[in-house]
Full PDB file with SEQRES, HELIX, SHEET, SSBOND, CRYST1, ORIGX, SCALE, CONECT and MASTER records, all heavy atoms in Angstrom:
SEQRES   1 A   36  VAL SER GLY ASP ASN MET VAL ILE VAL GLN LEU ALA LEU          
SEQRES   2 A   36  GLN GLY THR HIS LEU GLY PRO LEU VAL THR PRO ARG ALA          
SEQRES   3 A   36  THR ILE LEU PRO THR GLY LYS ARG MET ASP                      
SHEET    1 AA1 2 LEU A  21  VAL A  22  0                                        
SHEET    2 AA1 2 THR A  27  ILE A  28 -1                                        
CRYST1    1.000    1.000    1.000  90.00  90.00  90.00 P 1           1          
ORIGX1      1.000000  0.000000  0.000000        0.00000                         
ORIGX2      0.000000  1.000000  0.000000        0.00000                         
ORIGX3      0.000000  0.000000  1.000000        0.00000                         
SCALE1      1.000000  0.000000  0.000000        0.00000                         
SCALE2      0.000000  1.000000  0.000000        0.00000                         
SCALE3      0.000000  0.000000  1.000000        0.00000                         
ATOM      1  N   VAL A   1      11.392 -16.423   8.229  1.00  0.00           N  
ATOM      2  CA  VAL A   1      11.180 -17.653   7.396  1.00  0.00           C  
ATOM      3  C   VAL A   1      10.711 -18.797   8.314  1.00  0.00           C  
ATOM      4  O   VAL A   1      11.303 -18.938   9.387  1.00  0.00           O  
ATOM      5  CB  VAL A   1      12.564 -18.082   6.775  1.00  0.00           C  
ATOM      6  CG1 VAL A   1      12.247 -19.408   5.933  1.00  0.00           C  
ATOM      7  CG2 VAL A   1      13.033 -16.957   5.806  1.00  0.00           C  
ATOM      8  N   SER A   2       9.612 -19.429   7.952  1.00  0.00           N  
ATOM      9  CA  SER A   2       9.049 -20.421   8.732  1.00  0.00           C  
ATOM     10  C   SER A   2       8.927 -21.726   7.932  1.00  0.00           C  
ATOM     11  O   SER A   2       8.326 -21.770   6.863  1.00  0.00           O  
ATOM     12  CB  SER A   2       7.669 -20.046   9.182  1.00  0.00           C  
ATOM     13  OG  SER A   2       7.047 -21.103   9.954  1.00  0.00           O  
ATOM     14  N   GLY A   3       9.650 -22.748   8.375  1.00  0.00           N  
ATOM     15  CA  GLY A   3       9.612 -24.059   7.634  1.00  0.00           C  
ATOM     16  C   GLY A   3      10.215 -23.872   6.301  1.00  0.00           C  
ATOM     17  O   GLY A   3      11.089 -23.086   6.070  1.00  0.00           O  
ATOM     18  N   ASP A   4       9.812 -24.730   5.410  1.00  0.00           N  
ATOM     19  CA  ASP A   4      10.333 -24.796   4.022  1.00  0.00           C  
ATOM     20  C   ASP A   4       9.668 -23.893   3.068  1.00  0.00           C  
ATOM     21  O   ASP A   4      10.160 -23.719   1.912  1.00  0.00           O  
ATOM     22  CB  ASP A   4      10.328 -26.241   3.507  1.00  0.00           C  
ATOM     23  CG  ASP A   4      11.221 -27.139   4.257  1.00  0.00           C  
ATOM     24  OD1 ASP A   4      12.205 -26.690   4.845  1.00  0.00           O  
ATOM     25  OD2 ASP A   4      10.927 -28.349   4.279  1.00  0.00           O  
ATOM     26  N   ASN A   5       8.489 -23.325   3.465  1.00  0.00           N  
ATOM     27  CA  ASN A   5       7.742 -22.613   2.408  1.00  0.00           C  
ATOM     28  C   ASN A   5       7.030 -21.314   2.855  1.00  0.00           C  
ATOM     29  O   ASN A   5       6.351 -20.790   2.038  1.00  0.00           O  
ATOM     30  CB  ASN A   5       6.732 -23.552   1.767  1.00  0.00           C  
ATOM     31  CG  ASN A   5       5.665 -23.922   2.773  1.00  0.00           C  
ATOM     32  OD1 ASN A   5       5.794 -23.882   3.935  1.00  0.00           O  
ATOM     33  ND2 ASN A   5       4.523 -24.346   2.201  1.00  0.00           N  
ATOM     34  N   MET A   6       7.286 -20.830   4.037  1.00  0.00           N  
ATOM     35  CA  MET A   6       6.602 -19.630   4.460  1.00  0.00           C  
ATOM     36  C   MET A   6       7.551 -18.503   4.779  1.00  0.00           C  
ATOM     37  O   MET A   6       8.618 -18.713   5.384  1.00  0.00           O  
ATOM     38  CB  MET A   6       5.769 -19.917   5.759  1.00  0.00           C  
ATOM     39  CG  MET A   6       4.670 -20.940   5.562  1.00  0.00           C  
ATOM     40  SD  MET A   6       3.373 -20.497   4.391  1.00  0.00           S  
ATOM     41  CE  MET A   6       2.566 -19.120   5.278  1.00  0.00           C  
ATOM     42  N   VAL A   7       7.220 -17.237   4.321  1.00  0.00           N  
ATOM     43  CA  VAL A   7       7.934 -16.098   4.663  1.00  0.00           C  
ATOM     44  C   VAL A   7       6.936 -14.970   5.160  1.00  0.00           C  
ATOM     45  O   VAL A   7       5.901 -14.769   4.484  1.00  0.00           O  
ATOM     46  CB  VAL A   7       8.742 -15.525   3.508  1.00  0.00           C  
ATOM     47  CG1 VAL A   7       9.447 -14.300   3.821  1.00  0.00           C  
ATOM     48  CG2 VAL A   7       9.774 -16.572   2.959  1.00  0.00           C  
ATOM     49  N   ILE A   8       7.199 -14.412   6.301  1.00  0.00           N  
ATOM     50  CA  ILE A   8       6.384 -13.369   6.905  1.00  0.00           C  
ATOM     51  C   ILE A   8       7.210 -12.107   6.992  1.00  0.00           C  
ATOM     52  O   ILE A   8       8.286 -12.156   7.433  1.00  0.00           O  
ATOM     53  CB  ILE A   8       5.845 -13.817   8.266  1.00  0.00           C  
ATOM     54  CG1 ILE A   8       5.014 -15.047   8.105  1.00  0.00           C  
ATOM     55  CG2 ILE A   8       5.034 -12.692   8.872  1.00  0.00           C  
ATOM     56  CD1 ILE A   8       5.365 -16.077   9.091  1.00  0.00           C  
ATOM     57  N   VAL A   9       6.625 -11.016   6.501  1.00  0.00           N  
ATOM     58  CA  VAL A   9       7.366  -9.738   6.507  1.00  0.00           C  
ATOM     59  C   VAL A   9       6.588  -8.629   7.176  1.00  0.00           C  
ATOM     60  O   VAL A   9       5.394  -8.423   6.917  1.00  0.00           O  
ATOM     61  CB  VAL A   9       7.593  -9.302   5.032  1.00  0.00           C  
ATOM     62  CG1 VAL A   9       8.456  -8.038   4.954  1.00  0.00           C  
ATOM     63  CG2 VAL A   9       8.338 -10.407   4.238  1.00  0.00           C  
ATOM     64  N   GLN A  10       7.246  -7.970   8.190  1.00  0.00           N  
ATOM     65  CA  GLN A  10       6.688  -6.792   8.754  1.00  0.00           C  
ATOM     66  C   GLN A  10       7.274  -5.598   7.943  1.00  0.00           C  
ATOM     67  O   GLN A  10       8.505  -5.520   7.818  1.00  0.00           O  
ATOM     68  CB  GLN A  10       7.091  -6.641  10.191  1.00  0.00           C  
ATOM     69  CG  GLN A  10       6.441  -7.667  11.076  1.00  0.00           C  
ATOM     70  CD  GLN A  10       6.951  -7.597  12.511  1.00  0.00           C  
ATOM     71  OE1 GLN A  10       8.197  -7.682  12.683  1.00  0.00           O  
ATOM     72  NE2 GLN A  10       6.095  -7.394  13.448  1.00  0.00           N  
ATOM     73  N   LEU A  11       6.437  -4.675   7.508  1.00  0.00           N  
ATOM     74  CA  LEU A  11       6.877  -3.605   6.682  1.00  0.00           C  
ATOM     75  C   LEU A  11       6.011  -2.398   6.761  1.00  0.00           C  
ATOM     76  O   LEU A  11       4.994  -2.466   7.454  1.00  0.00           O  
ATOM     77  CB  LEU A  11       6.939  -3.993   5.209  1.00  0.00           C  
ATOM     78  CG  LEU A  11       5.686  -4.313   4.460  1.00  0.00           C  
ATOM     79  CD1 LEU A  11       5.763  -4.000   3.026  1.00  0.00           C  
ATOM     80  CD2 LEU A  11       5.250  -5.756   4.682  1.00  0.00           C  
ATOM     81  N   ALA A  12       6.370  -1.318   6.144  1.00  0.00           N  
ATOM     82  CA  ALA A  12       5.568  -0.161   5.989  1.00  0.00           C  
ATOM     83  C   ALA A  12       5.363   0.207   4.557  1.00  0.00           C  
ATOM     84  O   ALA A  12       6.339   0.053   3.810  1.00  0.00           O  
ATOM     85  CB  ALA A  12       6.093   1.032   6.761  1.00  0.00           C  
ATOM     86  N   LEU A  13       4.137   0.603   4.163  1.00  0.00           N  
ATOM     87  CA  LEU A  13       3.870   1.084   2.794  1.00  0.00           C  
ATOM     88  C   LEU A  13       4.037   2.566   2.893  1.00  0.00           C  
ATOM     89  O   LEU A  13       3.264   3.237   3.692  1.00  0.00           O  
ATOM     90  CB  LEU A  13       2.481   0.680   2.354  1.00  0.00           C  
ATOM     91  CG  LEU A  13       2.210  -0.860   2.319  1.00  0.00           C  
ATOM     92  CD1 LEU A  13       0.786  -1.083   2.009  1.00  0.00           C  
ATOM     93  CD2 LEU A  13       3.135  -1.534   1.407  1.00  0.00           C  
ATOM     94  N   GLN A  14       4.888   3.159   2.048  1.00  0.00           N  
ATOM     95  CA  GLN A  14       5.158   4.602   2.138  1.00  0.00           C  
ATOM     96  C   GLN A  14       5.052   5.189   0.716  1.00  0.00           C  
ATOM     97  O   GLN A  14       5.492   4.634  -0.220  1.00  0.00           O  
ATOM     98  CB  GLN A  14       6.528   4.867   2.715  1.00  0.00           C  
ATOM     99  CG  GLN A  14       6.714   4.272   4.099  1.00  0.00           C  
ATOM    100  CD  GLN A  14       8.173   4.252   4.540  1.00  0.00           C  
ATOM    101  OE1 GLN A  14       9.106   4.205   3.776  1.00  0.00           O  
ATOM    102  NE2 GLN A  14       8.401   4.238   5.867  1.00  0.00           N  
ATOM    103  N   GLY A  15       4.452   6.399   0.679  1.00  0.00           N  
ATOM    104  CA  GLY A  15       4.382   7.046  -0.605  1.00  0.00           C  
ATOM    105  C   GLY A  15       3.509   8.322  -0.542  1.00  0.00           C  
ATOM    106  O   GLY A  15       2.808   8.548   0.457  1.00  0.00           O  
ATOM    107  N   THR A  16       3.571   9.056  -1.619  1.00  0.00           N  
ATOM    108  CA  THR A  16       2.807  10.305  -1.759  1.00  0.00           C  
ATOM    109  C   THR A  16       1.707  10.111  -2.737  1.00  0.00           C  
ATOM    110  O   THR A  16       1.935   9.639  -3.835  1.00  0.00           O  
ATOM    111  CB  THR A  16       3.717  11.488  -2.180  1.00  0.00           C  
ATOM    112  OG1 THR A  16       4.861  11.528  -1.314  1.00  0.00           O  
ATOM    113  CG2 THR A  16       2.970  12.773  -2.128  1.00  0.00           C  
ATOM    114  N   HIS A  17       0.489  10.441  -2.447  1.00  0.00           N  
ATOM    115  CA  HIS A  17      -0.669  10.171  -3.182  1.00  0.00           C  
ATOM    116  C   HIS A  17      -0.818  11.213  -4.283  1.00  0.00           C  
ATOM    117  O   HIS A  17      -1.436  12.260  -4.074  1.00  0.00           O  
ATOM    118  CB  HIS A  17      -1.938  10.171  -2.295  1.00  0.00           C  
ATOM    119  CG  HIS A  17      -3.149   9.763  -3.015  1.00  0.00           C  
ATOM    120  ND1 HIS A  17      -4.384  10.224  -2.589  1.00  0.00           N  
ATOM    121  CD2 HIS A  17      -3.378   8.944  -4.073  1.00  0.00           C  
ATOM    122  CE1 HIS A  17      -5.326   9.726  -3.373  1.00  0.00           C  
ATOM    123  NE2 HIS A  17      -4.745   8.935  -4.291  1.00  0.00           N  
ATOM    124  N   LEU A  18      -0.247  10.954  -5.481  1.00  0.00           N  
ATOM    125  CA  LEU A  18      -0.159  11.882  -6.559  1.00  0.00           C  
ATOM    126  C   LEU A  18      -1.032  11.512  -7.777  1.00  0.00           C  
ATOM    127  O   LEU A  18      -1.167  12.263  -8.742  1.00  0.00           O  
ATOM    128  CB  LEU A  18       1.258  12.127  -7.025  1.00  0.00           C  
ATOM    129  CG  LEU A  18       2.191  12.665  -5.936  1.00  0.00           C  
ATOM    130  CD1 LEU A  18       3.618  12.735  -6.419  1.00  0.00           C  
ATOM    131  CD2 LEU A  18       1.647  14.024  -5.425  1.00  0.00           C  
ATOM    132  N   GLY A  19      -1.606  10.298  -7.721  1.00  0.00           N  
ATOM    133  CA  GLY A  19      -2.393   9.857  -8.830  1.00  0.00           C  
ATOM    134  C   GLY A  19      -3.679   9.165  -8.348  1.00  0.00           C  
ATOM    135  O   GLY A  19      -3.826   8.990  -7.097  1.00  0.00           O  
ATOM    136  N   PRO A  20      -4.615   8.800  -9.169  1.00  0.00           N  
ATOM    137  CA  PRO A  20      -5.854   8.205  -8.755  1.00  0.00           C  
ATOM    138  C   PRO A  20      -5.571   6.837  -8.137  1.00  0.00           C  
ATOM    139  O   PRO A  20      -4.784   6.077  -8.677  1.00  0.00           O  
ATOM    140  CB  PRO A  20      -6.640   8.088 -10.065  1.00  0.00           C  
ATOM    141  CG  PRO A  20      -5.722   8.219 -11.166  1.00  0.00           C  
ATOM    142  CD  PRO A  20      -4.529   8.966 -10.650  1.00  0.00           C  
ATOM    143  N   LEU A  21      -6.289   6.607  -7.026  1.00  0.00           N  
ATOM    144  CA  LEU A  21      -6.142   5.308  -6.328  1.00  0.00           C  
ATOM    145  C   LEU A  21      -7.435   4.535  -6.586  1.00  0.00           C  
ATOM    146  O   LEU A  21      -8.506   4.928  -6.030  1.00  0.00           O  
ATOM    147  CB  LEU A  21      -5.911   5.546  -4.855  1.00  0.00           C  
ATOM    148  CG  LEU A  21      -5.888   4.262  -3.957  1.00  0.00           C  
ATOM    149  CD1 LEU A  21      -4.817   3.277  -4.439  1.00  0.00           C  
ATOM    150  CD2 LEU A  21      -5.724   4.599  -2.486  1.00  0.00           C  
ATOM    151  N   VAL A  22      -7.357   3.538  -7.364  1.00  0.00           N  
ATOM    152  CA  VAL A  22      -8.521   2.718  -7.735  1.00  0.00           C  
ATOM    153  C   VAL A  22      -8.699   1.596  -6.701  1.00  0.00           C  
ATOM    154  O   VAL A  22      -7.789   0.797  -6.472  1.00  0.00           O  
ATOM    155  CB  VAL A  22      -8.372   2.117  -9.153  1.00  0.00           C  
ATOM    156  CG1 VAL A  22      -9.574   1.267  -9.457  1.00  0.00           C  
ATOM    157  CG2 VAL A  22      -8.186   3.241 -10.154  1.00  0.00           C  
ATOM    158  N   THR A  23      -9.795   1.611  -5.995  1.00  0.00           N  
ATOM    159  CA  THR A  23     -10.125   0.616  -5.000  1.00  0.00           C  
ATOM    160  C   THR A  23     -11.311  -0.164  -5.534  1.00  0.00           C  
ATOM    161  O   THR A  23     -12.010   0.206  -6.477  1.00  0.00           O  
ATOM    162  CB  THR A  23     -10.417   1.257  -3.590  1.00  0.00           C  
ATOM    163  OG1 THR A  23     -11.719   1.820  -3.707  1.00  0.00           O  
ATOM    164  CG2 THR A  23      -9.388   2.258  -3.255  1.00  0.00           C  
ATOM    165  N   PRO A  24     -11.623  -1.303  -4.883  1.00  0.00           N  
ATOM    166  CA  PRO A  24     -12.776  -2.086  -5.267  1.00  0.00           C  
ATOM    167  C   PRO A  24     -14.135  -1.346  -5.145  1.00  0.00           C  
ATOM    168  O   PRO A  24     -15.092  -1.613  -5.886  1.00  0.00           O  
ATOM    169  CB  PRO A  24     -12.821  -3.342  -4.335  1.00  0.00           C  
ATOM    170  CG  PRO A  24     -11.394  -3.449  -3.866  1.00  0.00           C  
ATOM    171  CD  PRO A  24     -10.865  -2.001  -3.807  1.00  0.00           C  
ATOM    172  N   ARG A  25     -14.165  -0.295  -4.356  1.00  0.00           N  
ATOM    173  CA  ARG A  25     -15.439   0.463  -4.108  1.00  0.00           C  
ATOM    174  C   ARG A  25     -15.427   1.812  -4.816  1.00  0.00           C  
ATOM    175  O   ARG A  25     -16.533   2.272  -5.135  1.00  0.00           O  
ATOM    176  CB  ARG A  25     -15.696   0.652  -2.674  1.00  0.00           C  
ATOM    177  CG  ARG A  25     -15.857  -0.667  -1.897  1.00  0.00           C  
ATOM    178  CD  ARG A  25     -16.504  -0.444  -0.618  1.00  0.00           C  
ATOM    179  NE  ARG A  25     -16.543  -1.673   0.183  1.00  0.00           N  
ATOM    180  CZ  ARG A  25     -17.593  -2.440   0.215  1.00  0.00           C  
ATOM    181  NH1 ARG A  25     -18.715  -2.168  -0.445  1.00  0.00           N  
ATOM    182  NH2 ARG A  25     -17.596  -3.523   0.924  1.00  0.00           N  
ATOM    183  N   ALA A  26     -14.329   2.431  -5.006  1.00  0.00           N  
ATOM    184  CA  ALA A  26     -14.337   3.803  -5.555  1.00  0.00           C  
ATOM    185  C   ALA A  26     -12.903   4.139  -5.996  1.00  0.00           C  
ATOM    186  O   ALA A  26     -11.918   3.479  -5.585  1.00  0.00           O  
ATOM    187  CB  ALA A  26     -14.782   4.786  -4.553  1.00  0.00           C  
ATOM    188  N   THR A  27     -12.811   5.214  -6.776  1.00  0.00           N  
ATOM    189  CA  THR A  27     -11.508   5.762  -7.140  1.00  0.00           C  
ATOM    190  C   THR A  27     -11.291   7.041  -6.289  1.00  0.00           C  
ATOM    191  O   THR A  27     -12.168   7.898  -6.298  1.00  0.00           O  
ATOM    192  CB  THR A  27     -11.403   6.090  -8.624  1.00  0.00           C  
ATOM    193  OG1 THR A  27     -11.550   4.902  -9.401  1.00  0.00           O  
ATOM    194  CG2 THR A  27     -10.128   6.761  -9.001  1.00  0.00           C  
ATOM    195  N   ILE A  28     -10.196   7.075  -5.617  1.00  0.00           N  
ATOM    196  CA  ILE A  28      -9.816   8.287  -4.738  1.00  0.00           C  
ATOM    197  C   ILE A  28      -8.884   9.102  -5.560  1.00  0.00           C  
ATOM    198  O   ILE A  28      -7.812   8.755  -5.933  1.00  0.00           O  
ATOM    199  CB  ILE A  28      -9.219   7.749  -3.443  1.00  0.00           C  
ATOM    200  CG1 ILE A  28     -10.153   6.835  -2.748  1.00  0.00           C  
ATOM    201  CG2 ILE A  28      -8.839   8.950  -2.610  1.00  0.00           C  
ATOM    202  CD1 ILE A  28      -9.580   6.010  -1.562  1.00  0.00           C  
ATOM    203  N   LEU A  29      -9.363  10.356  -5.780  1.00  0.00           N  
ATOM    204  CA  LEU A  29      -8.554  11.335  -6.503  1.00  0.00           C  
ATOM    205  C   LEU A  29      -7.286  11.721  -5.660  1.00  0.00           C  
ATOM    206  O   LEU A  29      -7.322  11.652  -4.453  1.00  0.00           O  
ATOM    207  CB  LEU A  29      -9.388  12.576  -6.852  1.00  0.00           C  
ATOM    208  CG  LEU A  29     -10.575  12.251  -7.827  1.00  0.00           C  
ATOM    209  CD1 LEU A  29     -11.360  13.526  -8.051  1.00  0.00           C  
ATOM    210  CD2 LEU A  29     -10.080  11.667  -9.088  1.00  0.00           C  
ATOM    211  N   PRO A  30      -6.225  12.159  -6.339  1.00  0.00           N  
ATOM    212  CA  PRO A  30      -4.978  12.470  -5.619  1.00  0.00           C  
ATOM    213  C   PRO A  30      -5.253  13.497  -4.510  1.00  0.00           C  
ATOM    214  O   PRO A  30      -5.881  14.505  -4.749  1.00  0.00           O  
ATOM    215  CB  PRO A  30      -4.114  12.983  -6.724  1.00  0.00           C  
ATOM    216  CG  PRO A  30      -4.644  12.561  -8.005  1.00  0.00           C  
ATOM    217  CD  PRO A  30      -6.151  12.352  -7.777  1.00  0.00           C  
ATOM    218  N   THR A  31      -4.640  13.266  -3.441  1.00  0.00           N  
ATOM    219  CA  THR A  31      -4.740  14.241  -2.260  1.00  0.00           C  
ATOM    220  C   THR A  31      -3.402  14.974  -2.019  1.00  0.00           C  
ATOM    221  O   THR A  31      -3.383  15.975  -1.311  1.00  0.00           O  
ATOM    222  CB  THR A  31      -5.052  13.488  -0.929  1.00  0.00           C  
ATOM    223  OG1 THR A  31      -3.995  12.567  -0.684  1.00  0.00           O  
ATOM    224  CG2 THR A  31      -6.389  12.773  -1.094  1.00  0.00           C  
ATOM    225  N   GLY A  32      -2.310  14.501  -2.582  1.00  0.00           N  
ATOM    226  CA  GLY A  32      -1.020  15.056  -2.367  1.00  0.00           C  
ATOM    227  C   GLY A  32      -0.441  14.742  -0.988  1.00  0.00           C  
ATOM    228  O   GLY A  32       0.619  15.219  -0.590  1.00  0.00           O  
ATOM    229  N   LYS A  33      -1.120  13.888  -0.247  1.00  0.00           N  
ATOM    230  CA  LYS A  33      -0.697  13.550   1.121  1.00  0.00           C  
ATOM    231  C   LYS A  33       0.188  12.291   1.139  1.00  0.00           C  
ATOM    232  O   LYS A  33       0.028  11.443   0.239  1.00  0.00           O  
ATOM    233  CB  LYS A  33      -1.927  13.398   2.044  1.00  0.00           C  
ATOM    234  CG  LYS A  33      -2.686  14.698   2.180  1.00  0.00           C  
ATOM    235  CD  LYS A  33      -3.822  14.542   3.189  1.00  0.00           C  
ATOM    236  CE  LYS A  33      -4.554  15.858   3.298  1.00  0.00           C  
ATOM    237  NZ  LYS A  33      -5.663  15.798   4.236  1.00  0.00           N  
ATOM    238  N   ARG A  34       0.985  12.192   2.161  1.00  0.00           N  
ATOM    239  CA  ARG A  34       1.884  11.053   2.337  1.00  0.00           C  
ATOM    240  C   ARG A  34       1.151  10.018   3.188  1.00  0.00           C  
ATOM    241  O   ARG A  34       0.388  10.310   4.070  1.00  0.00           O  
ATOM    242  CB  ARG A  34       3.205  11.434   3.002  1.00  0.00           C  
ATOM    243  CG  ARG A  34       4.036  12.230   2.127  1.00  0.00           C  
ATOM    244  CD  ARG A  34       5.511  11.881   1.936  1.00  0.00           C  
ATOM    245  NE  ARG A  34       6.095  10.747   2.522  1.00  0.00           N  
ATOM    246  CZ  ARG A  34       6.511   9.716   1.798  1.00  0.00           C  
ATOM    247  NH1 ARG A  34       6.392   9.720   0.437  1.00  0.00           N  
ATOM    248  NH2 ARG A  34       7.085   8.652   2.327  1.00  0.00           N  
ATOM    249  N   MET A  35       1.513   8.797   2.837  1.00  0.00           N  
ATOM    250  CA  MET A  35       1.023   7.645   3.743  1.00  0.00           C  
ATOM    251  C   MET A  35       2.284   6.936   4.219  1.00  0.00           C  
ATOM    252  O   MET A  35       3.328   6.854   3.526  1.00  0.00           O  
ATOM    253  CB  MET A  35       0.135   6.647   2.993  1.00  0.00           C  
ATOM    254  CG  MET A  35       0.874   5.796   1.994  1.00  0.00           C  
ATOM    255  SD  MET A  35      -0.041   4.283   1.813  1.00  0.00           S  
ATOM    256  CE  MET A  35       0.896   3.628   0.396  1.00  0.00           C  
ATOM    257  N   ASP A  36       2.204   6.412   5.381  1.00  0.00           N  
ATOM    258  CA  ASP A  36       3.268   5.560   6.030  1.00  0.00           C  
ATOM    259  C   ASP A  36       2.465   4.588   6.880  1.00  0.00           C  
ATOM    260  O   ASP A  36       2.190   4.894   8.062  1.00  0.00           O  
ATOM    261  CB  ASP A  36       4.223   6.439   6.797  1.00  0.00           C  
ATOM    262  CG  ASP A  36       5.409   5.643   7.327  1.00  0.00           C  
ATOM    263  OD1 ASP A  36       5.343   4.363   7.291  1.00  0.00           O  
ATOM    264  OD2 ASP A  36       6.313   6.221   7.840  1.00  0.00           O  
TER     265      ASP A  36                                                      
MASTER        0    0    0    0    2    0    0    6  264    1    0    3          
END                                                                             
């Protein structure tokens, strides 16, 4: 927490790619692979 109005978080995004991933450029079909 910084000052009265800022919060900074270090984290990891984790999950298994089981559905279509819609991005601004393309849709990525499920790969079944994990991301971390």
